[in-house]
């Protein structure tokens, strides 16, 4: 009986701290990237956002892949940040 209570407590703590939350992956098309430095700057900006776990900006494919905690940051916020950097986010797919 004590083991079940302990297990429930561990699960509750894990959920509270975000350990068991599944990450969301968004693939966002980006227009306006003209060089590799554009991609690096965008990657640095997105990486600084609280809740963003991983970012990969592909200059040649003109897309960004962001892995993030949807409880801490929204796709809309990521799109607005891309716009604030001078680019135009287009079609986004989420997994």
C-alpha atoms as a PDB file:
ATOM      1  CA  UNK A   1       0.000   0.000   0.000  1.00  0.00           C
ATOM      2  CA  UNK A   2       2.802   2.414   0.854  1.00  0.00           C
ATOM      3  CA  UNK A   3       4.487   1.657  -2.489  1.00  0.00           C
ATOM      4  CA  UNK A   4       1.389   2.771  -4.454  1.00  0.00           C
ATOM      5  CA  UNK A   5       1.228   6.002  -2.491  1.00  0.00           C
ATOM      6  CA  UNK A   6       4.928   6.618  -3.113  1.00  0.00           C
ATOM      7  CA  UNK A   7       4.511   5.944  -6.837  1.00  0.00           C
ATOM      8  CA  UNK A   8       1.563   8.349  -7.036  1.00  0.00           C
ATOM      9  CA  UNK A   9       3.615  11.010  -5.279  1.00  0.00           C
ATOM     10  CA  UNK A  10       6.505  10.542  -7.710  1.00  0.00           C
ATOM     11  CA  UNK A  11       4.177  10.845 -10.698  1.00  0.00           C
ATOM     12  CA  UNK A  12       2.572  13.976  -9.254  1.00  0.00           C
ATOM     13  CA  UNK A  13       5.979  15.577  -8.701  1.00  0.00           C
ATOM     14  CA  UNK A  14       7.103  14.632 -12.199  1.00  0.00           C
ATOM     15  CA  UNK A  15       3.966  16.113 -13.744  1.00  0.00           C
ATOM     16  CA  UNK A  16       4.266  19.264 -11.651  1.00  0.00           C
ATOM     17  CA  UNK A  17       7.874  19.825 -12.661  1.00  0.00           C
ATOM     18  CA  UNK A  18       7.211  19.035 -16.314  1.00  0.00           C
ATOM     19  CA  UNK A  19       9.272  15.873 -16.456  1.00  0.00           C
ATOM     20  CA  UNK A  20       6.525  13.823 -18.123  1.00  0.00           C
ATOM     21  CA  UNK A  21       5.229  16.466 -20.500  1.00  0.00           C
ATOM     22  CA  UNK A  22       5.580  15.573 -24.149  1.00  0.00           C
ATOM     23  CA  UNK A  23       7.384  18.116 -26.271  1.00  0.00           C
ATOM     24  CA  UNK A  24       5.755  19.591 -29.361  1.00  0.00           C
ATOM     25  CA  UNK A  25       7.662  19.813 -32.636  1.00  0.00           C
ATOM     26  CA  UNK A  26       6.793  22.524 -35.149  1.00  0.00           C
ATOM     27  CA  UNK A  27       8.175  22.758 -38.681  1.00  0.00           C
ATOM     28  CA  UNK A  28       7.737  26.341 -39.922  1.00  0.00           C
ATOM     29  CA  UNK A  29       8.494  27.561 -43.423  1.00  0.00           C
ATOM     30  CA  UNK A  30      10.357  30.884 -43.453  1.00  0.00           C
ATOM     31  CA  UNK A  31      10.552  33.372 -46.304  1.00  0.00           C
ATOM     32  CA  UNK A  32      13.168  36.099 -46.405  1.00  0.00           C
ATOM     33  CA  UNK A  33      16.305  34.249 -45.294  1.00  0.00           C
ATOM     34  CA  UNK A  34      18.995  35.340 -47.728  1.00  0.00           C
ATOM     35  CA  UNK A  35      22.152  33.976 -46.101  1.00  0.00           C
ATOM     36  CA  UNK A  36      23.529  31.579 -43.520  1.00  0.00           C
ATOM     37  CA  UNK A  37      23.976  34.448 -41.062  1.00  0.00           C
ATOM     38  CA  UNK A  38      20.200  35.031 -41.221  1.00  0.00           C
ATOM     39  CA  UNK A  39      19.684  31.424 -40.190  1.00  0.00           C
ATOM     40  CA  UNK A  40      22.202  31.676 -37.346  1.00  0.00           C
ATOM     41  CA  UNK A  41      20.626  34.838 -35.978  1.00  0.00           C
ATOM     42  CA  UNK A  42      17.139  33.340 -36.111  1.00  0.00           C
ATOM     43  CA  UNK A  43      18.346  30.170 -34.406  1.00  0.00           C
ATOM     44  CA  UNK A  44      19.976  32.197 -31.626  1.00  0.00           C
ATOM     45  CA  UNK A  45      16.810  34.261 -31.086  1.00  0.00           C
ATOM     46  CA  UNK A  46      14.501  31.254 -30.925  1.00  0.00           C
ATOM     47  CA  UNK A  47      16.898  29.362 -28.651  1.00  0.00           C
ATOM     48  CA  UNK A  48      16.613  32.090 -26.012  1.00  0.00           C
ATOM     49  CA  UNK A  49      12.843  31.702 -25.639  1.00  0.00           C
ATOM     50  CA  UNK A  50      11.760  30.066 -22.370  1.00  0.00           C
ATOM     51  CA  UNK A  51      10.163  26.722 -23.178  1.00  0.00           C
ATOM     52  CA  UNK A  52      12.116  26.137 -26.391  1.00  0.00           C
ATOM     53  CA  UNK A  53      14.152  22.956 -26.065  1.00  0.00           C
ATOM     54  CA  UNK A  54      15.770  22.626 -29.519  1.00  0.00           C
ATOM     55  CA  UNK A  55      15.952  24.720 -32.672  1.00  0.00           C
ATOM     56  CA  UNK A  56      17.279  23.873 -36.105  1.00  0.00           C
ATOM     57  CA  UNK A  57      17.164  26.490 -38.863  1.00  0.00           C
ATOM     58  CA  UNK A  58      17.773  25.116 -42.356  1.00  0.00           C
ATOM     59  CA  UNK A  59      18.734  27.969 -44.672  1.00  0.00           C
ATOM     60  CA  UNK A  60      18.658  25.864 -47.840  1.00  0.00           C
ATOM     61  CA  UNK A  61      15.178  24.467 -47.164  1.00  0.00           C
ATOM     62  CA  UNK A  62      13.981  27.808 -45.765  1.00  0.00           C
ATOM     63  CA  UNK A  63      12.492  26.214 -42.662  1.00  0.00           C
ATOM     64  CA  UNK A  64      12.766  26.125 -38.907  1.00  0.00           C
ATOM     65  CA  UNK A  65      12.197  23.068 -36.724  1.00  0.00           C
ATOM     66  CA  UNK A  66      11.451  23.934 -33.107  1.00  0.00           C
ATOM     67  CA  UNK A  67      10.938  21.486 -30.241  1.00  0.00           C
ATOM     68  CA  UNK A  68       9.143  23.256 -27.417  1.00  0.00           C
ATOM     69  CA  UNK A  69       6.969  22.864 -24.349  1.00  0.00           C
ATOM     70  CA  UNK A  70       3.520  24.008 -25.473  1.00  0.00           C
ATOM     71  CA  UNK A  71       2.621  24.791 -21.863  1.00  0.00           C
ATOM     72  CA  UNK A  72       5.311  27.475 -21.768  1.00  0.00           C
ATOM     73  CA  UNK A  73       5.349  28.901 -25.289  1.00  0.00           C
ATOM     74  CA  UNK A  74       2.854  28.947 -28.160  1.00  0.00           C
ATOM     75  CA  UNK A  75       3.292  28.497 -31.877  1.00  0.00           C
ATOM     76  CA  UNK A  76       1.874  31.993 -32.298  1.00  0.00           C
ATOM     77  CA  UNK A  77       4.620  33.449 -30.122  1.00  0.00           C
ATOM     78  CA  UNK A  78       7.283  31.618 -32.138  1.00  0.00           C
ATOM     79  CA  UNK A  79       5.780  32.951 -35.379  1.00  0.00           C
ATOM     80  CA  UNK A  80       5.731  36.512 -33.987  1.00  0.00           C
ATOM     81  CA  UNK A  81       9.383  36.210 -32.991  1.00  0.00           C
ATOM     82  CA  UNK A  82      10.276  35.058 -36.508  1.00  0.00           C
ATOM     83  CA  UNK A  83       8.428  38.109 -37.856  1.00  0.00           C
ATOM     84  CA  UNK A  84      10.204  40.380 -35.369  1.00  0.00           C
ATOM     85  CA  UNK A  85      13.510  39.171 -36.818  1.00  0.00           C
ATOM     86  CA  UNK A  86      12.395  40.405 -40.252  1.00  0.00           C
ATOM     87  CA  UNK A  87      11.280  37.109 -41.768  1.00  0.00           C
ATOM     88  CA  UNK A  88       7.902  35.805 -42.879  1.00  0.00           C
ATOM     89  CA  UNK A  89       6.687  32.542 -41.327  1.00  0.00           C
ATOM     90  CA  UNK A  90       4.558  30.520 -43.709  1.00  0.00           C
ATOM     91  CA  UNK A  91       3.034  27.041 -43.492  1.00  0.00           C
ATOM     92  CA  UNK A  92       3.585  25.349 -40.132  1.00  0.00           C
ATOM     93  CA  UNK A  93       3.112  21.680 -39.314  1.00  0.00           C
ATOM     94  CA  UNK A  94       2.991  20.335 -35.785  1.00  0.00           C
ATOM     95  CA  UNK A  95       3.802  16.841 -34.515  1.00  0.00           C
END
